[in-house]
Amino acid sequence: MPNDSQKRIDQLEKDLQALSDEYYRGNFSSSQDFQKYSRFNTRLKVPTLGTAPTTCEIGEVYVNSASGKLYVCSASNTWSIVGTQV
């Protein structure tokens, strides 16, 4: 009987580790990339800059202070306007 309990504990620990690995693999990396749909219950602060930064990583965003348009880094060091803004 004690051996069964230990087997169950070991299996639960493996299952917990597998769930933990899956959660972090799909949601976070060292730079906290959000690869899945996220619903924010708070405001998302986007930097407002006069000119586009010379370097960027895919997924970064900023608002151009002169035009008020939103830009996203669509490829390494490449800024693209988001949507069809007027």
C-alpha atoms as a PDB file:
ATOM      1  CA  MET A   1       0.000   0.000   0.000  1.00  0.00           C
ATOM      2  CA  PRO A   2       2.736   2.579   0.809  1.00  0.00           C
ATOM      3  CA  ASN A   3       4.323   1.818  -2.535  1.00  0.00           C
ATOM      4  CA  ASP A   4       1.080   2.743  -4.349  1.00  0.00           C
ATOM      5  CA  SER A   5       0.974   6.069  -2.540  1.00  0.00           C
ATOM      6  CA  GLN A   6       4.533   6.862  -3.574  1.00  0.00           C
ATOM      7  CA  LYS A   7       3.752   5.943  -7.196  1.00  0.00           C
ATOM      8  CA  ARG A   8       0.747   8.274  -7.144  1.00  0.00           C
ATOM      9  CA  ILE A   9       2.846  11.093  -5.668  1.00  0.00           C
ATOM     10  CA  ASP A  10       5.546  10.554  -8.302  1.00  0.00           C
ATOM     11  CA  GLN A  11       2.953  10.610 -11.097  1.00  0.00           C
ATOM     12  CA  LEU A  12       1.356  13.781  -9.729  1.00  0.00           C
ATOM     13  CA  GLU A  13       4.761  15.474  -9.601  1.00  0.00           C
ATOM     14  CA  LYS A  14       5.424  14.495 -13.249  1.00  0.00           C
ATOM     15  CA  ASP A  15       2.004  15.767 -14.304  1.00  0.00           C
ATOM     16  CA  LEU A  16       2.512  19.040 -12.472  1.00  0.00           C
ATOM     17  CA  GLN A  17       5.919  19.557 -14.082  1.00  0.00           C
ATOM     18  CA  ALA A  18       4.478  18.803 -17.534  1.00  0.00           C
ATOM     19  CA  LEU A  19       1.690  21.355 -17.011  1.00  0.00           C
ATOM     20  CA  SER A  20       4.151  23.937 -15.764  1.00  0.00           C
ATOM     21  CA  ASP A  21       6.447  23.382 -18.760  1.00  0.00           C
ATOM     22  CA  GLU A  22       3.529  23.643 -21.191  1.00  0.00           C
ATOM     23  CA  TYR A  23       2.218  26.841 -19.595  1.00  0.00           C
ATOM     24  CA  TYR A  24       5.543  28.657 -19.697  1.00  0.00           C
ATOM     25  CA  ARG A  25       6.516  27.363 -23.134  1.00  0.00           C
ATOM     26  CA  GLY A  26       3.304  28.692 -24.689  1.00  0.00           C
ATOM     27  CA  ASN A  27       3.080  31.993 -22.840  1.00  0.00           C
ATOM     28  CA  PHE A  28       6.399  33.371 -21.706  1.00  0.00           C
ATOM     29  CA  SER A  29      10.023  33.528 -22.705  1.00  0.00           C
ATOM     30  CA  SER A  30      12.856  35.616 -21.362  1.00  0.00           C
ATOM     31  CA  SER A  31      11.349  38.685 -23.034  1.00  0.00           C
ATOM     32  CA  GLN A  32       7.742  37.689 -22.212  1.00  0.00           C
ATOM     33  CA  ASP A  33       6.370  37.127 -25.706  1.00  0.00           C
ATOM     34  CA  PHE A  34       2.604  36.665 -25.716  1.00  0.00           C
ATOM     35  CA  GLN A  35       1.923  34.207 -28.522  1.00  0.00           C
ATOM     36  CA  LYS A  36      -1.678  33.577 -27.599  1.00  0.00           C
ATOM     37  CA  TYR A  37      -4.725  35.831 -27.508  1.00  0.00           C
ATOM     38  CA  SER A  38      -4.729  37.934 -24.361  1.00  0.00           C
ATOM     39  CA  ARG A  39      -7.534  39.972 -22.858  1.00  0.00           C
ATOM     40  CA  PHE A  40      -6.250  42.887 -20.791  1.00  0.00           C
ATOM     41  CA  ASN A  41      -8.360  44.192 -17.943  1.00  0.00           C
ATOM     42  CA  THR A  42      -6.098  47.214 -17.576  1.00  0.00           C
ATOM     43  CA  ARG A  43      -4.667  49.798 -19.911  1.00  0.00           C
ATOM     44  CA  LEU A  44      -1.746  48.939 -22.129  1.00  0.00           C
ATOM     45  CA  LYS A  45       0.820  51.735 -22.186  1.00  0.00           C
ATOM     46  CA  VAL A  46       2.379  52.287 -25.618  1.00  0.00           C
ATOM     47  CA  PRO A  47       5.390  54.594 -25.956  1.00  0.00           C
ATOM     48  CA  THR A  48       4.934  57.806 -27.948  1.00  0.00           C
ATOM     49  CA  LEU A  49       8.024  58.750 -29.916  1.00  0.00           C
ATOM     50  CA  GLY A  50       8.931  61.476 -32.413  1.00  0.00           C
ATOM     51  CA  THR A  51      10.683  59.077 -34.768  1.00  0.00           C
ATOM     52  CA  ALA A  52      10.825  55.318 -35.159  1.00  0.00           C
ATOM     53  CA  PRO A  53      13.599  53.599 -33.230  1.00  0.00           C
ATOM     54  CA  THR A  54      16.381  52.327 -35.496  1.00  0.00           C
ATOM     55  CA  THR A  55      16.210  48.818 -34.057  1.00  0.00           C
ATOM     56  CA  CYS A  56      13.248  46.718 -32.995  1.00  0.00           C
ATOM     57  CA  GLU A  57      12.130  43.181 -32.291  1.00  0.00           C
ATOM     58  CA  ILE A  58       9.027  41.690 -33.881  1.00  0.00           C
ATOM     59  CA  GLY A  59       5.926  42.637 -31.897  1.00  0.00           C
ATOM     60  CA  GLU A  60       7.155  45.928 -30.411  1.00  0.00           C
ATOM     61  CA  VAL A  61       4.799  48.897 -30.880  1.00  0.00           C
ATOM     62  CA  TYR A  62       4.965  52.677 -30.651  1.00  0.00           C
ATOM     63  CA  VAL A  63       2.817  55.710 -31.499  1.00  0.00           C
ATOM     64  CA  ASN A  64       4.304  58.442 -33.673  1.00  0.00           C
ATOM     65  CA  SER A  65       3.830  61.719 -31.776  1.00  0.00           C
ATOM     66  CA  ALA A  66       3.545  63.821 -34.957  1.00  0.00           C
ATOM     67  CA  SER A  67       0.951  61.718 -36.797  1.00  0.00           C
ATOM     68  CA  GLY A  68      -0.644  59.860 -33.866  1.00  0.00           C
ATOM     69  CA  LYS A  69      -0.437  56.611 -35.834  1.00  0.00           C
ATOM     70  CA  LEU A  70       0.327  53.230 -34.336  1.00  0.00           C
ATOM     71  CA  TYR A  71       3.283  51.262 -35.689  1.00  0.00           C
ATOM     72  CA  VAL A  72       4.368  47.667 -35.065  1.00  0.00           C
ATOM     73  CA  CYS A  73       7.716  46.026 -35.684  1.00  0.00           C
ATOM     74  CA  SER A  74       6.717  43.502 -38.373  1.00  0.00           C
ATOM     75  CA  ALA A  75      10.219  42.171 -39.071  1.00  0.00           C
ATOM     76  CA  SER A  76      13.582  42.738 -37.477  1.00  0.00           C
ATOM     77  CA  ASN A  77      14.240  46.508 -37.542  1.00  0.00           C
ATOM     78  CA  THR A  78      11.190  47.147 -39.787  1.00  0.00           C
ATOM     79  CA  TRP A  79       8.265  49.326 -38.624  1.00  0.00           C
ATOM     80  CA  SER A  80       4.830  49.012 -40.297  1.00  0.00           C
ATOM     81  CA  ILE A  81       1.700  51.069 -39.748  1.00  0.00           C
ATOM     82  CA  VAL A  82      -1.126  49.142 -38.076  1.00  0.00           C
ATOM     83  CA  GLY A  83      -4.380  48.838 -40.028  1.00  0.00           C
ATOM     84  CA  THR A  84      -5.902  51.553 -42.168  1.00  0.00           C
ATOM     85  CA  GLN A  85      -5.564  54.611 -39.958  1.00  0.00           C
ATOM     86  CA  VAL A  86      -6.789  57.956 -41.209  1.00  0.00           C
END
